Amino acid sequence: MSVETTNLERLGRELGTAIAETDEYERFEEAKAAVEADDEAQEHIREFNQLREEFMFARQTGNATQEGMEKLQAKQQELHDLPTMSEYLDAQSELQSRLETINEAISEPLAVDFGGEAGGCCQD
């Protein structure tokens, strides 16, 4: 392994550590833990996932209805309205925004979207 590769990997680890120490990441982890510990949120998640699976199956078999879609959307809104889930979604959005800013900083000198295209083979 070349010295350059070793240095790049070290820098990558340092970047990961620095990201993990940001307020946005810490808030996200706390919000995630709160959702995982919230029995009501977990029940709503299970119900939503079940309803989503049923709707996807109905769609695959050509039996999906507007009523089914509306029921799924209502269940999702109900889930998102829970205080712990709302906090989680806000924290997730803030972290994603921060990561996009970091991606732009990395991508700028490379002339590619580091997070979006750097790993791809054949981009059109």
PDB file of N, CA and C in Angstrom:
ATOM      1  N   MET A   1       0.849  -1.173   0.000  1.00  0.00           N
ATOM      2  CA  MET A   1       0.000   0.000   0.000  1.00  0.00           C
ATOM      3  C   MET A   1       0.895   1.237   0.000  1.00  0.00           C
ATOM      4  N   SER A   2       0.602   2.180  -0.855  1.00  0.00           N
ATOM      5  CA  SER A   2       1.449   3.360  -0.972  1.00  0.00           C
ATOM      6  C   SER A   2       1.223   4.308   0.206  1.00  0.00           C
ATOM      7  N   VAL A   3       2.209   5.153   0.422  1.00  0.00           N
ATOM      8  CA  VAL A   3       2.112   6.156   1.483  1.00  0.00           C
ATOM      9  C   VAL A   3       0.922   7.073   1.220  1.00  0.00           C
ATOM     10  N   GLU A   4       0.705   7.422  -0.053  1.00  0.00           N
ATOM     11  CA  GLU A   4      -0.414   8.290  -0.411  1.00  0.00           C
ATOM     12  C   GLU A   4      -1.745   7.654  -0.038  1.00  0.00           C
ATOM     13  N   THR A   5      -1.920   6.375  -0.348  1.00  0.00           N
ATOM     14  CA  THR A   5      -3.151   5.673  -0.009  1.00  0.00           C
ATOM     15  C   THR A   5      -3.334   5.627   1.495  1.00  0.00           C
ATOM     16  N   THR A   6      -2.276   5.330   2.227  1.00  0.00           N
ATOM     17  CA  THR A   6      -2.343   5.286   3.681  1.00  0.00           C
ATOM     18  C   THR A   6      -2.756   6.644   4.236  1.00  0.00           C
ATOM     19  N   ASN A   7      -2.187   7.731   3.703  1.00  0.00           N
ATOM     20  CA  ASN A   7      -2.535   9.073   4.157  1.00  0.00           C
ATOM     21  C   ASN A   7      -3.992   9.403   3.849  1.00  0.00           C
ATOM     22  N   LEU A   8      -4.462   9.020   2.675  1.00  0.00           N
ATOM     23  CA  LEU A   8      -5.853   9.283   2.306  1.00  0.00           C
ATOM     24  C   LEU A   8      -6.813   8.520   3.218  1.00  0.00           C
ATOM     25  N   GLU A   9      -6.483   7.287   3.518  1.00  0.00           N
ATOM     26  CA  GLU A   9      -7.331   6.504   4.423  1.00  0.00           C
ATOM     27  C   GLU A   9      -7.334   7.115   5.825  1.00  0.00           C
ATOM     28  N   ARG A  10      -6.180   7.583   6.278  1.00  0.00           N
ATOM     29  CA  ARG A  10      -6.096   8.236   7.587  1.00  0.00           C
ATOM     30  C   ARG A  10      -6.964   9.491   7.589  1.00  0.00           C
ATOM     31  N   LEU A  11      -6.862  10.274   6.515  1.00  0.00           N
ATOM     32  CA  LEU A  11      -7.675  11.483   6.418  1.00  0.00           C
ATOM     33  C   LEU A  11      -9.169  11.144   6.392  1.00  0.00           C
ATOM     34  N   GLY A  12      -9.508  10.069   5.715  1.00  0.00           N
ATOM     35  CA  GLY A  12     -10.898   9.619   5.679  1.00  0.00           C
ATOM     36  C   GLY A  12     -11.411   9.252   7.063  1.00  0.00           C
ATOM     37  N   ARG A  13     -10.594   8.533   7.829  1.00  0.00           N
ATOM     38  CA  ARG A  13     -10.972   8.183   9.205  1.00  0.00           C
ATOM     39  C   ARG A  13     -11.113   9.434  10.066  1.00  0.00           C
ATOM     40  N   GLU A  14     -10.187  10.372   9.882  1.00  0.00           N
ATOM     41  CA  GLU A  14     -10.255  11.625  10.639  1.00  0.00           C
ATOM     42  C   GLU A  14     -11.520  12.394  10.293  1.00  0.00           C
ATOM     43  N   LEU A  15     -11.876  12.412   9.007  1.00  0.00           N
ATOM     44  CA  LEU A  15     -13.102  13.082   8.595  1.00  0.00           C
ATOM     45  C   LEU A  15     -14.314  12.403   9.234  1.00  0.00           C
ATOM     46  N   GLY A  16     -14.341  11.086   9.200  1.00  0.00           N
ATOM     47  CA  GLY A  16     -15.445  10.355   9.827  1.00  0.00           C
ATOM     48  C   GLY A  16     -15.557  10.662  11.307  1.00  0.00           C
ATOM     49  N   THR A  17     -14.431  10.700  11.989  1.00  0.00           N
ATOM     50  CA  THR A  17     -14.432  11.026  13.413  1.00  0.00           C
ATOM     51  C   THR A  17     -14.927  12.452  13.636  1.00  0.00           C
ATOM     52  N   ALA A  18     -14.463  13.380  12.805  1.00  0.00           N
ATOM     53  CA  ALA A  18     -14.882  14.777  12.935  1.00  0.00           C
ATOM     54  C   ALA A  18     -16.385  14.919  12.697  1.00  0.00           C
ATOM     55  N   ILE A  19     -16.916  14.204  11.721  1.00  0.00           N
ATOM     56  CA  ILE A  19     -18.355  14.247  11.456  1.00  0.00           C
ATOM     57  C   ILE A  19     -19.120  13.703  12.661  1.00  0.00           C
ATOM     58  N   ALA A  20     -18.634  12.605  13.231  1.00  0.00           N
ATOM     59  CA  ALA A  20     -19.303  11.999  14.387  1.00  0.00           C
ATOM     60  C   ALA A  20     -19.316  12.922  15.597  1.00  0.00           C
ATOM     61  N   GLU A  21     -18.434  13.910  15.611  1.00  0.00           N
ATOM     62  CA  GLU A  21     -18.366  14.844  16.731  1.00  0.00           C
ATOM     63  C   GLU A  21     -19.166  16.117  16.493  1.00  0.00           C
ATOM     64  N   THR A  22     -19.824  16.237  15.337  1.00  0.00           N
ATOM     65  CA  THR A  22     -20.613  17.445  15.070  1.00  0.00           C
ATOM     66  C   THR A  22     -21.902  17.428  15.883  1.00  0.00           C
ATOM     67  N   ASP A  23     -22.423  18.621  16.129  1.00  0.00           N
ATOM     68  CA  ASP A  23     -23.703  18.739  16.837  1.00  0.00           C
ATOM     69  C   ASP A  23     -24.812  18.032  16.068  1.00  0.00           C
ATOM     70  N   GLU A  24     -24.779  18.149  14.739  1.00  0.00           N
ATOM     71  CA  GLU A  24     -25.821  17.534  13.921  1.00  0.00           C
ATOM     72  C   GLU A  24     -25.826  16.013  14.067  1.00  0.00           C
ATOM     73  N   TYR A  25     -24.635  15.415  14.053  1.00  0.00           N
ATOM     74  CA  TYR A  25     -24.564  13.953  14.179  1.00  0.00           C
ATOM     75  C   TYR A  25     -24.988  13.510  15.575  1.00  0.00           C
ATOM     76  N   GLU A  26     -24.525  14.230  16.585  1.00  0.00           N
ATOM     77  CA  GLU A  26     -24.889  13.878  17.965  1.00  0.00           C
ATOM     78  C   GLU A  26     -26.394  14.003  18.176  1.00  0.00           C
ATOM     79  N   ARG A  27     -26.992  15.067  17.636  1.00  0.00           N
ATOM     80  CA  ARG A  27     -28.445  15.237  17.749  1.00  0.00           C
ATOM     81  C   ARG A  27     -29.163  14.099  17.041  1.00  0.00           C
ATOM     82  N   PHE A  28     -28.674  13.726  15.854  1.00  0.00           N
ATOM     83  CA  PHE A  28     -29.285  12.627  15.106  1.00  0.00           C
ATOM     84  C   PHE A  28     -29.224  11.333  15.906  1.00  0.00           C
ATOM     85  N   GLU A  29     -28.073  11.006  16.469  1.00  0.00           N
ATOM     86  CA  GLU A  29     -27.930   9.769  17.244  1.00  0.00           C
ATOM     87  C   GLU A  29     -28.841   9.765  18.466  1.00  0.00           C
ATOM     88  N   GLU A  30     -28.952  10.911  19.134  1.00  0.00           N
ATOM     89  CA  GLU A  30     -29.848  11.009  20.291  1.00  0.00           C
ATOM     90  C   GLU A  30     -31.301  10.829  19.883  1.00  0.00           C
ATOM     91  N   ALA A  31     -31.693  11.454  18.776  1.00  0.00           N
ATOM     92  CA  ALA A  31     -33.067  11.341  18.292  1.00  0.00           C
ATOM     93  C   ALA A  31     -33.368   9.905  17.847  1.00  0.00           C
ATOM     94  N   LYS A  32     -32.402   9.276  17.208  1.00  0.00           N
ATOM     95  CA  LYS A  32     -32.565   7.878  16.780  1.00  0.00           C
ATOM     96  C   LYS A  32     -32.767   6.973  17.989  1.00  0.00           C
ATOM     97  N   ALA A  33     -31.957   7.169  19.014  1.00  0.00           N
ATOM     98  CA  ALA A  33     -32.081   6.363  20.235  1.00  0.00           C
ATOM     99  C   ALA A  33     -33.434   6.595  20.897  1.00  0.00           C
ATOM    100  N   ALA A  34     -33.912   7.840  20.876  1.00  0.00           N
ATOM    101  CA  ALA A  34     -35.212   8.144  21.482  1.00  0.00           C
ATOM    102  C   ALA A  34     -36.339   7.428  20.751  1.00  0.00           C
ATOM    103  N   VAL A  35     -36.273   7.399  19.410  1.00  0.00           N
ATOM    104  CA  VAL A  35     -37.295   6.694  18.626  1.00  0.00           C
ATOM    105  C   VAL A  35     -37.233   5.201  18.918  1.00  0.00           C
ATOM    106  N   GLU A  36     -36.030   4.656  18.992  1.00  0.00           N
ATOM    107  CA  GLU A  36     -35.879   3.226  19.260  1.00  0.00           C
ATOM    108  C   GLU A  36     -36.401   2.849  20.639  1.00  0.00           C
ATOM    109  N   ALA A  37     -36.339   3.772  21.597  1.00  0.00           N
ATOM    110  CA  ALA A  37     -36.790   3.497  22.963  1.00  0.00           C
ATOM    111  C   ALA A  37     -38.271   3.829  23.166  1.00  0.00           C
ATOM    112  N   ASP A  38     -38.900   4.468  22.201  1.00  0.00           N
ATOM    113  CA  ASP A  38     -40.288   4.915  22.318  1.00  0.00           C
ATOM    114  C   ASP A  38     -41.220   3.805  21.821  1.00  0.00           C
ATOM    115  N   ASP A  39     -41.902   3.152  22.758  1.00  0.00           N
ATOM    116  CA  ASP A  39     -42.792   2.039  22.401  1.00  0.00           C
ATOM    117  C   ASP A  39     -43.903   2.470  21.451  1.00  0.00           C
ATOM    118  N   GLU A  40     -44.456   3.665  21.667  1.00  0.00           N
ATOM    119  CA  GLU A  40     -45.525   4.148  20.795  1.00  0.00           C
ATOM    120  C   GLU A  40     -45.004   4.356  19.374  1.00  0.00           C
ATOM    121  N   ALA A  41     -43.839   4.961  19.265  1.00  0.00           N
ATOM    122  CA  ALA A  41     -43.249   5.177  17.938  1.00  0.00           C
ATOM    123  C   ALA A  41     -42.970   3.841  17.264  1.00  0.00           C
ATOM    124  N   GLN A  42     -42.446   2.875  18.003  1.00  0.00           N
ATOM    125  CA  GLN A  42     -42.147   1.572  17.417  1.00  0.00           C
ATOM    126  C   GLN A  42     -43.421   0.878  16.921  1.00  0.00           C
ATOM    127  N   GLU A  43     -44.496   1.018  17.665  1.00  0.00           N
ATOM    128  CA  GLU A  43     -45.762   0.426  17.231  1.00  0.00           C
ATOM    129  C   GLU A  43     -46.259   1.105  15.952  1.00  0.00           C
ATOM    130  N   HIS A  44     -46.161   2.412  15.890  1.00  0.00           N
ATOM    131  CA  HIS A  44     -46.562   3.145  14.687  1.00  0.00           C
ATOM    132  C   HIS A  44     -45.687   2.748  13.493  1.00  0.00           C
ATOM    133  N   ILE A  45     -44.409   2.563  13.728  1.00  0.00           N
ATOM    134  CA  ILE A  45     -43.501   2.141  12.656  1.00  0.00           C
ATOM    135  C   ILE A  45     -43.898   0.766  12.132  1.00  0.00           C
ATOM    136  N   ARG A  46     -44.175  -0.155  13.051  1.00  0.00           N
ATOM    137  CA  ARG A  46     -44.604  -1.507  12.630  1.00  0.00           C
ATOM    138  C   ARG A  46     -45.896  -1.432  11.803  1.00  0.00           C
ATOM    139  N   GLU A  47     -46.862  -0.645  12.285  1.00  0.00           N
ATOM    140  CA  GLU A  47     -48.139  -0.514  11.574  1.00  0.00           C
ATOM    141  C   GLU A  47     -47.934   0.099  10.189  1.00  0.00           C
ATOM    142  N   PHE A  48     -47.105   1.139  10.125  1.00  0.00           N
ATOM    143  CA  PHE A  48     -46.843   1.781   8.840  1.00  0.00           C
ATOM    144  C   PHE A  48     -46.159   0.808   7.883  1.00  0.00           C
ATOM    145  N   ASN A  49     -45.142   0.103   8.361  1.00  0.00           N
ATOM    146  CA  ASN A  49     -44.426  -0.848   7.501  1.00  0.00           C
ATOM    147  C   ASN A  49     -45.348  -1.949   6.994  1.00  0.00           C
ATOM    148  N   GLN A  50     -46.236  -2.434   7.846  1.00  0.00           N
ATOM    149  CA  GLN A  50     -47.182  -3.470   7.437  1.00  0.00           C
ATOM    150  C   GLN A  50     -48.119  -2.940   6.349  1.00  0.00           C
ATOM    151  N   LEU A  51     -48.630  -1.742   6.576  1.00  0.00           N
ATOM    152  CA  LEU A  51     -49.535  -1.130   5.613  1.00  0.00           C
ATOM    153  C   LEU A  51     -48.813  -0.855   4.286  1.00  0.00           C
ATOM    154  N   ARG A  52     -47.568  -0.421   4.380  1.00  0.00           N
ATOM    155  CA  ARG A  52     -46.781  -0.150   3.167  1.00  0.00           C
ATOM    156  C   ARG A  52     -46.542  -1.441   2.387  1.00  0.00           C
ATOM    157  N   GLU A  53     -46.202  -2.524   3.086  1.00  0.00           N
ATOM    158  CA  GLU A  53     -46.002  -3.813   2.413  1.00  0.00           C
ATOM    159  C   GLU A  53     -47.280  -4.270   1.719  1.00  0.00           C
ATOM    160  N   GLU A  54     -48.408  -4.117   2.398  1.00  0.00           N
ATOM    161  CA  GLU A  54     -49.686  -4.505   1.811  1.00  0.00           C
ATOM    162  C   GLU A  54     -49.979  -3.674   0.560  1.00  0.00           C
ATOM    163  N   PHE A  55     -49.704  -2.370   0.640  1.00  0.00           N
ATOM    164  CA  PHE A  55     -49.957  -1.507  -0.509  1.00  0.00           C
ATOM    165  C   PHE A  55     -49.031  -1.860  -1.671  1.00  0.00           C
ATOM    166  N   MET A  56     -47.756  -2.111  -1.381  1.00  0.00           N
ATOM    167  CA  MET A  56     -46.808  -2.465  -2.439  1.00  0.00           C
ATOM    168  C   MET A  56     -47.220  -3.770  -3.114  1.00  0.00           C
ATOM    169  N   PHE A  57     -47.694  -4.731  -2.337  1.00  0.00           N
ATOM    170  CA  PHE A  57     -48.166  -5.984  -2.914  1.00  0.00           C
ATOM    171  C   PHE A  57     -49.381  -5.731  -3.803  1.00  0.00           C
ATOM    172  N   ALA A  58     -50.301  -4.904  -3.311  1.00  0.00           N
ATOM    173  CA  ALA A  58     -51.493  -4.579  -4.102  1.00  0.00           C
ATOM    174  C   ALA A  58     -51.088  -3.885  -5.404  1.00  0.00           C
ATOM    175  N   ARG A  59     -50.081  -3.031  -5.330  1.00  0.00           N
ATOM    176  CA  ARG A  59     -49.612  -2.331  -6.529  1.00  0.00           C
ATOM    177  C   ARG A  59     -49.000  -3.311  -7.525  1.00  0.00           C
ATOM    178  N   GLN A  60     -48.227  -4.261  -7.016  1.00  0.00           N
ATOM    179  CA  GLN A  60     -47.590  -5.256  -7.893  1.00  0.00           C
ATOM    180  C   GLN A  60     -48.614  -6.140  -8.574  1.00  0.00           C
ATOM    181  N   THR A  61     -49.710  -6.396  -7.894  1.00  0.00           N
ATOM    182  CA  THR A  61     -50.729  -7.274  -8.461  1.00  0.00           C
ATOM    183  C   THR A  61     -51.813  -6.507  -9.201  1.00  0.00           C
ATOM    184  N   GLY A  62     -51.652  -5.186  -9.280  1.00  0.00           N
ATOM    185  CA  GLY A  62     -52.626  -4.376  -9.992  1.00  0.00           C
ATOM    186  C   GLY A  62     -53.884  -4.085  -9.202  1.00  0.00           C
ATOM    187  N   ASN A  63     -53.834  -4.280  -7.889  1.00  0.00           N
ATOM    188  CA  ASN A  63     -55.018  -4.075  -7.049  1.00  0.00           C
ATOM    189  C   ASN A  63     -54.934  -2.848  -6.161  1.00  0.00           C
ATOM    190  N   ALA A  64     -53.958  -1.997  -6.375  1.00  0.00           N
ATOM    191  CA  ALA A  64     -53.805  -0.801  -5.546  1.00  0.00           C
ATOM    192  C   ALA A  64     -54.940   0.177  -5.841  1.00  0.00           C
ATOM    193  N   THR A  65     -55.384   0.843  -4.806  1.00  0.00           N
ATOM    194  CA  THR A  65     -56.457   1.821  -4.956  1.00  0.00           C
ATOM    195  C   THR A  65     -56.013   3.172  -4.407  1.00  0.00           C
ATOM    196  N   GLN A  66     -56.715   4.203  -4.803  1.00  0.00           N
ATOM    197  CA  GLN A  66     -56.466   5.540  -4.262  1.00  0.00           C
ATOM    198  C   GLN A  66     -56.732   5.546  -2.761  1.00  0.00           C
ATOM    199  N   GLU A  67     -57.756   4.824  -2.349  1.00  0.00           N
ATOM    200  CA  GLU A  67     -58.086   4.725  -0.920  1.00  0.00           C
ATOM    201  C   GLU A  67     -56.923   4.090  -0.149  1.00  0.00           C
ATOM    202  N   GLY A  68     -56.314   3.064  -0.721  1.00  0.00           N
ATOM    203  CA  GLY A  68     -55.162   2.422  -0.083  1.00  0.00           C
ATOM    204  C   GLY A  68     -53.988   3.379   0.044  1.00  0.00           C
ATOM    205  N   MET A  69     -53.759   4.164  -1.009  1.00  0.00           N
ATOM    206  CA  MET A  69     -52.674   5.153  -0.980  1.00  0.00           C
ATOM    207  C   MET A  69     -52.951   6.213   0.081  1.00  0.00           C
ATOM    208  N   GLU A  70     -54.177   6.685   0.149  1.00  0.00           N
ATOM    209  CA  GLU A  70     -54.541   7.701   1.140  1.00  0.00           C
ATOM    210  C   GLU A  70     -54.412   7.164   2.561  1.00  0.00           C
ATOM    211  N   LYS A  71     -54.769   5.921   2.755  1.00  0.00           N
ATOM    212  CA  LYS A  71     -54.643   5.296   4.071  1.00  0.00           C
ATOM    213  C   LYS A  71     -53.168   5.209   4.475  1.00  0.00           C
ATOM    214  N   LEU A  72     -52.311   4.848   3.519  1.00  0.00           N
ATOM    215  CA  LEU A  72     -50.872   4.766   3.772  1.00  0.00           C
ATOM    216  C   LEU A  72     -50.307   6.143   4.097  1.00  0.00           C
ATOM    217  N   GLN A  73     -50.703   7.146   3.334  1.00  0.00           N
ATOM    218  CA  GLN A  73     -50.230   8.505   3.582  1.00  0.00           C
ATOM    219  C   GLN A  73     -50.685   9.020   4.949  1.00  0.00           C
ATOM    220  N   ALA A  74     -51.910   8.717   5.324  1.00  0.00           N
ATOM    221  CA  ALA A  74     -52.427   9.139   6.626  1.00  0.00           C
ATOM    222  C   ALA A  74     -51.641   8.472   7.756  1.00  0.00           C
ATOM    223  N   LYS A  75     -51.320   7.195   7.576  1.00  0.00           N
ATOM    224  CA  LYS A  75     -50.540   6.477   8.598  1.00  0.00           C
ATOM    225  C   LYS A  75     -49.141   7.065   8.701  1.00  0.00           C
ATOM    226  N   GLN A  76     -48.563   7.426   7.564  1.00  0.00           N
ATOM    227  CA  GLN A  76     -47.236   8.037   7.589  1.00  0.00           C
ATOM    228  C   GLN A  76     -47.283   9.388   8.301  1.00  0.00           C
ATOM    229  N   GLN A  77     -48.299  10.183   8.028  1.00  0.00           N
ATOM    230  CA  GLN A  77     -48.424  11.480   8.691  1.00  0.00           C
ATOM    231  C   GLN A  77     -48.603  11.300  10.196  1.00  0.00           C
ATOM    232  N   GLU A  78     -49.394  10.320  10.571  1.00  0.00           N
ATOM    233  CA  GLU A  78     -49.604  10.004  11.987  1.00  0.00           C
ATOM    234  C   GLU A  78     -48.267   9.667  12.650  1.00  0.00           C
ATOM    235  N   LEU A  79     -47.460   8.892  11.973  1.00  0.00           N
ATOM    236  CA  LEU A  79     -46.131   8.530  12.484  1.00  0.00           C
ATOM    237  C   LEU A  79     -45.250   9.763  12.598  1.00  0.00           C
ATOM    238  N   HIS A  80     -45.225  10.586  11.564  1.00  0.00           N
ATOM    239  CA  HIS A  80     -44.372  11.777  11.557  1.00  0.00           C
ATOM    240  C   HIS A  80     -44.806  12.816  12.583  1.00  0.00           C
ATOM    241  N   ASP A  81     -46.070  12.792  12.983  1.00  0.00           N
ATOM    242  CA  ASP A  81     -46.576  13.750  13.962  1.00  0.00           C
ATOM    243  C   ASP A  81     -46.189  13.409  15.400  1.00  0.00           C
ATOM    244  N   LEU A  82     -45.713  12.190  15.637  1.00  0.00           N
ATOM    245  CA  LEU A  82     -45.256  11.848  16.987  1.00  0.00           C
ATOM    246  C   LEU A  82     -44.057  12.720  17.343  1.00  0.00           C
ATOM    247  N   PRO A  83     -44.009  13.279  18.539  1.00  0.00           N
ATOM    248  CA  PRO A  83     -42.904  14.171  18.907  1.00  0.00           C
ATOM    249  C   PRO A  83     -41.518  13.549  18.723  1.00  0.00           C
ATOM    250  N   THR A  84     -41.329  12.305  19.126  1.00  0.00           N
ATOM    251  CA  THR A  84     -39.999  11.696  18.982  1.00  0.00           C
ATOM    252  C   THR A  84     -39.647  11.485  17.511  1.00  0.00           C
ATOM    253  N   MET A  85     -40.620  11.125  16.709  1.00  0.00           N
ATOM    254  CA  MET A  85     -40.362  10.913  15.288  1.00  0.00           C
ATOM    255  C   MET A  85     -40.118  12.246  14.587  1.00  0.00           C
ATOM    256  N   SER A  86     -40.869  13.262  14.958  1.00  0.00           N
ATOM    257  CA  SER A  86     -40.671  14.592  14.381  1.00  0.00           C
ATOM    258  C   SER A  86     -39.258  15.101  14.680  1.00  0.00           C
ATOM    259  N   GLU A  87     -38.801  14.916  15.904  1.00  0.00           N
ATOM    260  CA  GLU A  87     -37.441  15.322  16.279  1.00  0.00           C
ATOM    261  C   GLU A  87     -36.415  14.535  15.474  1.00  0.00           C
ATOM    262  N   TYR A  88     -36.642  13.238  15.315  1.00  0.00           N
ATOM    263  CA  TYR A  88     -35.741  12.390  14.538  1.00  0.00           C
ATOM    264  C   TYR A  88     -35.649  12.872  13.091  1.00  0.00           C
ATOM    265  N   LEU A  89     -36.787  13.154  12.482  1.00  0.00           N
ATOM    266  CA  LEU A  89     -36.803  13.595  11.086  1.00  0.00           C
ATOM    267  C   LEU A  89     -36.115  14.947  10.923  1.00  0.00           C
ATOM    268  N   ASP A  90     -36.318  15.850  11.887  1.00  0.00           N
ATOM    269  CA  ASP A  90     -35.625  17.142  11.843  1.00  0.00           C
ATOM    270  C   ASP A  90     -34.117  16.956  11.975  1.00  0.00           C
ATOM    271  N   ALA A  91     -33.705  16.114  12.911  1.00  0.00           N
ATOM    272  CA  ALA A  91     -32.276  15.856  13.124  1.00  0.00           C
ATOM    273  C   ALA A  91     -31.666  15.196  11.894  1.00  0.00           C
ATOM    274  N   GLN A  92     -32.391  14.277  11.280  1.00  0.00           N
ATOM    275  CA  GLN A  92     -31.922  13.601  10.077  1.00  0.00           C
ATOM    276  C   GLN A  92     -31.735  14.609   8.936  1.00  0.00           C
ATOM    277  N   SER A  93     -32.676  15.516   8.795  1.00  0.00           N
ATOM    278  CA  SER A  93     -32.600  16.528   7.746  1.00  0.00           C
ATOM    279  C   SER A  93     -31.400  17.453   7.954  1.00  0.00           C
ATOM    280  N   GLU A  94     -31.177  17.866   9.194  1.00  0.00           N
ATOM    281  CA  GLU A  94     -30.020  18.727   9.484  1.00  0.00           C
ATOM    282  C   GLU A  94     -28.706  18.009   9.204  1.00  0.00           C
ATOM    283  N   LEU A  95     -28.620  16.739   9.597  1.00  0.00           N
ATOM    284  CA  LEU A  95     -27.401  15.971   9.347  1.00  0.00           C
ATOM    285  C   LEU A  95     -27.189  15.800   7.847  1.00  0.00           C
ATOM    286  N   GLN A  96     -28.238  15.494   7.121  1.00  0.00           N
ATOM    287  CA  GLN A  96     -28.121  15.323   5.676  1.00  0.00           C
ATOM    288  C   GLN A  96     -27.637  16.613   5.018  1.00  0.00           C
ATOM    289  N   SER A  97     -28.148  17.739   5.469  1.00  0.00           N
ATOM    290  CA  SER A  97     -27.715  19.024   4.932  1.00  0.00           C
ATOM    291  C   SER A  97     -26.232  19.255   5.197  1.00  0.00           C
ATOM    292  N   ARG A  98     -25.797  18.929   6.407  1.00  0.00           N
ATOM    293  CA  ARG A  98     -24.379  19.093   6.753  1.00  0.00           C
ATOM    294  C   ARG A  98     -23.507  18.180   5.900  1.00  0.00           C
ATOM    295  N   LEU A  99     -23.945  16.936   5.707  1.00  0.00           N
ATOM    296  CA  LEU A  99     -23.173  15.991   4.897  1.00  0.00           C
ATOM    297  C   LEU A  99     -23.115  16.432   3.430  1.00  0.00           C
ATOM    298  N   GLU A 100     -24.174  17.040   2.935  1.00  0.00           N
ATOM    299  CA  GLU A 100     -24.165  17.551   1.559  1.00  0.00           C
ATOM    300  C   GLU A 100     -23.149  18.675   1.421  1.00  0.00           C
ATOM    301  N   THR A 101     -23.051  19.530   2.436  1.00  0.00           N
ATOM    302  CA  THR A 101     -22.064  20.611   2.423  1.00  0.00           C
ATOM    303  C   THR A 101     -20.650  20.042   2.428  1.00  0.00           C
ATOM    304  N   ILE A 102     -20.426  19.006   3.219  1.00  0.00           N
ATOM    305  CA  ILE A 102     -19.119  18.349   3.268  1.00  0.00           C
ATOM    306  C   ILE A 102     -18.818  17.694   1.918  1.00  0.00           C
ATOM    307  N   ASN A 103     -19.825  17.032   1.340  1.00  0.00           N
ATOM    308  CA  ASN A 103     -19.658  16.414   0.029  1.00  0.00           C
ATOM    309  C   ASN A 103     -19.250  17.452  -1.014  1.00  0.00           C
ATOM    310  N   GLU A 104     -19.867  18.607  -0.979  1.00  0.00           N
ATOM    311  CA  GLU A 104     -19.523  19.665  -1.930  1.00  0.00           C
ATOM    312  C   GLU A 104     -18.075  20.118  -1.744  1.00  0.00           C
ATOM    313  N   ALA A 105     -17.640  20.226  -0.490  1.00  0.00           N
ATOM    314  CA  ALA A 105     -16.257  20.647  -0.228  1.00  0.00           C
ATOM    315  C   ALA A 105     -15.263  19.614  -0.749  1.00  0.00           C
ATOM    316  N   ILE A 106     -15.591  18.336  -0.613  1.00  0.00           N
ATOM    317  CA  ILE A 106     -14.712  17.274  -1.112  1.00  0.00           C
ATOM    318  C   ILE A 106     -14.756  17.236  -2.640  1.00  0.00           C
ATOM    319  N   SER A 107     -15.930  17.403  -3.204  1.00  0.00           N
ATOM    320  CA  SER A 107     -16.121  17.276  -4.644  1.00  0.00           C
ATOM    321  C   SER A 107     -15.517  18.417  -5.436  1.00  0.00           C
ATOM    322  N   GLU A 108     -15.469  19.600  -4.859  1.00  0.00           N
ATOM    323  CA  GLU A 108     -15.023  20.779  -5.598  1.00  0.00           C
ATOM    324  C   GLU A 108     -13.674  20.593  -6.287  1.00  0.00           C
ATOM    325  N   PRO A 109     -12.629  20.167  -5.581  1.00  0.00           N
ATOM    326  CA  PRO A 109     -11.347  20.020  -6.286  1.00  0.00           C
ATOM    327  C   PRO A 109     -11.296  18.795  -7.203  1.00  0.00           C
ATOM    328  N   LEU A 110     -12.241  17.888  -7.074  1.00  0.00           N
ATOM    329  CA  LEU A 110     -12.244  16.663  -7.881  1.00  0.00           C
ATOM    330  C   LEU A 110     -13.037  16.813  -9.174  1.00  0.00           C
ATOM    331  N   ALA A 111     -13.864  17.822  -9.273  1.00  0.00           N
ATOM    332  CA  ALA A 111     -14.733  18.045 -10.421  1.00  0.00           C
ATOM    333  C   ALA A 111     -15.720  16.891 -10.627  1.00  0.00           C
ATOM    334  N   VAL A 112     -16.078  16.196  -9.540  1.00  0.00           N
ATOM    335  CA  VAL A 112     -17.124  15.174  -9.560  1.00  0.00           C
ATOM    336  C   VAL A 112     -17.899  15.273  -8.255  1.00  0.00           C
ATOM    337  N   ASP A 113     -19.121  14.733  -8.277  1.00  0.00           N
ATOM    338  CA  ASP A 113     -19.910  14.653  -7.058  1.00  0.00           C
ATOM    339  C   ASP A 113     -19.388  13.455  -6.281  1.00  0.00           C
ATOM    340  N   PHE A 114     -18.518  13.700  -5.314  1.00  0.00           N
ATOM    341  CA  PHE A 114     -17.842  12.632  -4.589  1.00  0.00           C
ATOM    342  C   PHE A 114     -18.822  11.627  -4.008  1.00  0.00           C
ATOM    343  N   GLY A 115     -19.856  12.111  -3.324  1.00  0.00           N
ATOM    344  CA  GLY A 115     -20.823  11.217  -2.699  1.00  0.00           C
ATOM    345  C   GLY A 115     -21.753  10.555  -3.691  1.00  0.00           C
ATOM    346  N   GLY A 116     -21.964  11.165  -4.839  1.00  0.00           N
ATOM    347  CA  GLY A 116     -22.940  10.642  -5.781  1.00  0.00           C
ATOM    348  C   GLY A 116     -22.375   9.869  -6.937  1.00  0.00           C
ATOM    349  N   GLU A 117     -21.189  10.271  -7.437  1.00  0.00           N
ATOM    350  CA  GLU A 117     -20.691   9.669  -8.662  1.00  0.00           C
ATOM    351  C   GLU A 117     -19.336   8.990  -8.525  1.00  0.00           C
ATOM    352  N   ALA A 118     -18.567   9.315  -7.529  1.00  0.00           N
ATOM    353  CA  ALA A 118     -17.188   8.839  -7.473  1.00  0.00           C
ATOM    354  C   ALA A 118     -17.108   7.310  -7.502  1.00  0.00           C
ATOM    355  N   GLY A 119     -18.091   6.637  -6.933  1.00  0.00           N
ATOM    356  CA  GLY A 119     -18.040   5.180  -6.915  1.00  0.00           C
ATOM    357  C   GLY A 119     -18.682   4.542  -8.118  1.00  0.00           C
ATOM    358  N   GLY A 120     -19.332   5.337  -8.967  1.00  0.00           N
ATOM    359  CA  GLY A 120     -20.052   4.778 -10.107  1.00  0.00           C
ATOM    360  C   GLY A 120     -19.127   4.446 -11.256  1.00  0.00           C
ATOM    361  N   CYS A 121     -19.571   3.560 -12.110  1.00  0.00           N
ATOM    362  CA  CYS A 121     -18.784   3.140 -13.251  1.00  0.00           C
ATOM    363  C   CYS A 121     -19.098   3.973 -14.477  1.00  0.00           C
ATOM    364  N   CYS A 122     -20.298   3.899 -14.910  1.00  0.00           N
ATOM    365  CA  CYS A 122     -20.653   4.500 -16.191  1.00  0.00           C
ATOM    366  C   CYS A 122     -21.798   5.476 -16.003  1.00  0.00           C
ATOM    367  N   GLN A 123     -21.489   6.722 -15.760  1.00  0.00           N
ATOM    368  CA  GLN A 123     -22.503   7.753 -15.563  1.00  0.00           C
ATOM    369  C   GLN A 123     -22.887   8.351 -16.892  1.00  0.00           C
ATOM    370  N   ASP A 124     -24.179   8.491 -17.124  1.00  0.00           N
ATOM    371  CA  ASP A 124     -24.662   9.128 -18.357  1.00  0.00           C
ATOM    372  C   ASP A 124     -24.886  10.591 -18.117  1.00  0.00           C
TER     373      ASP A 124
END
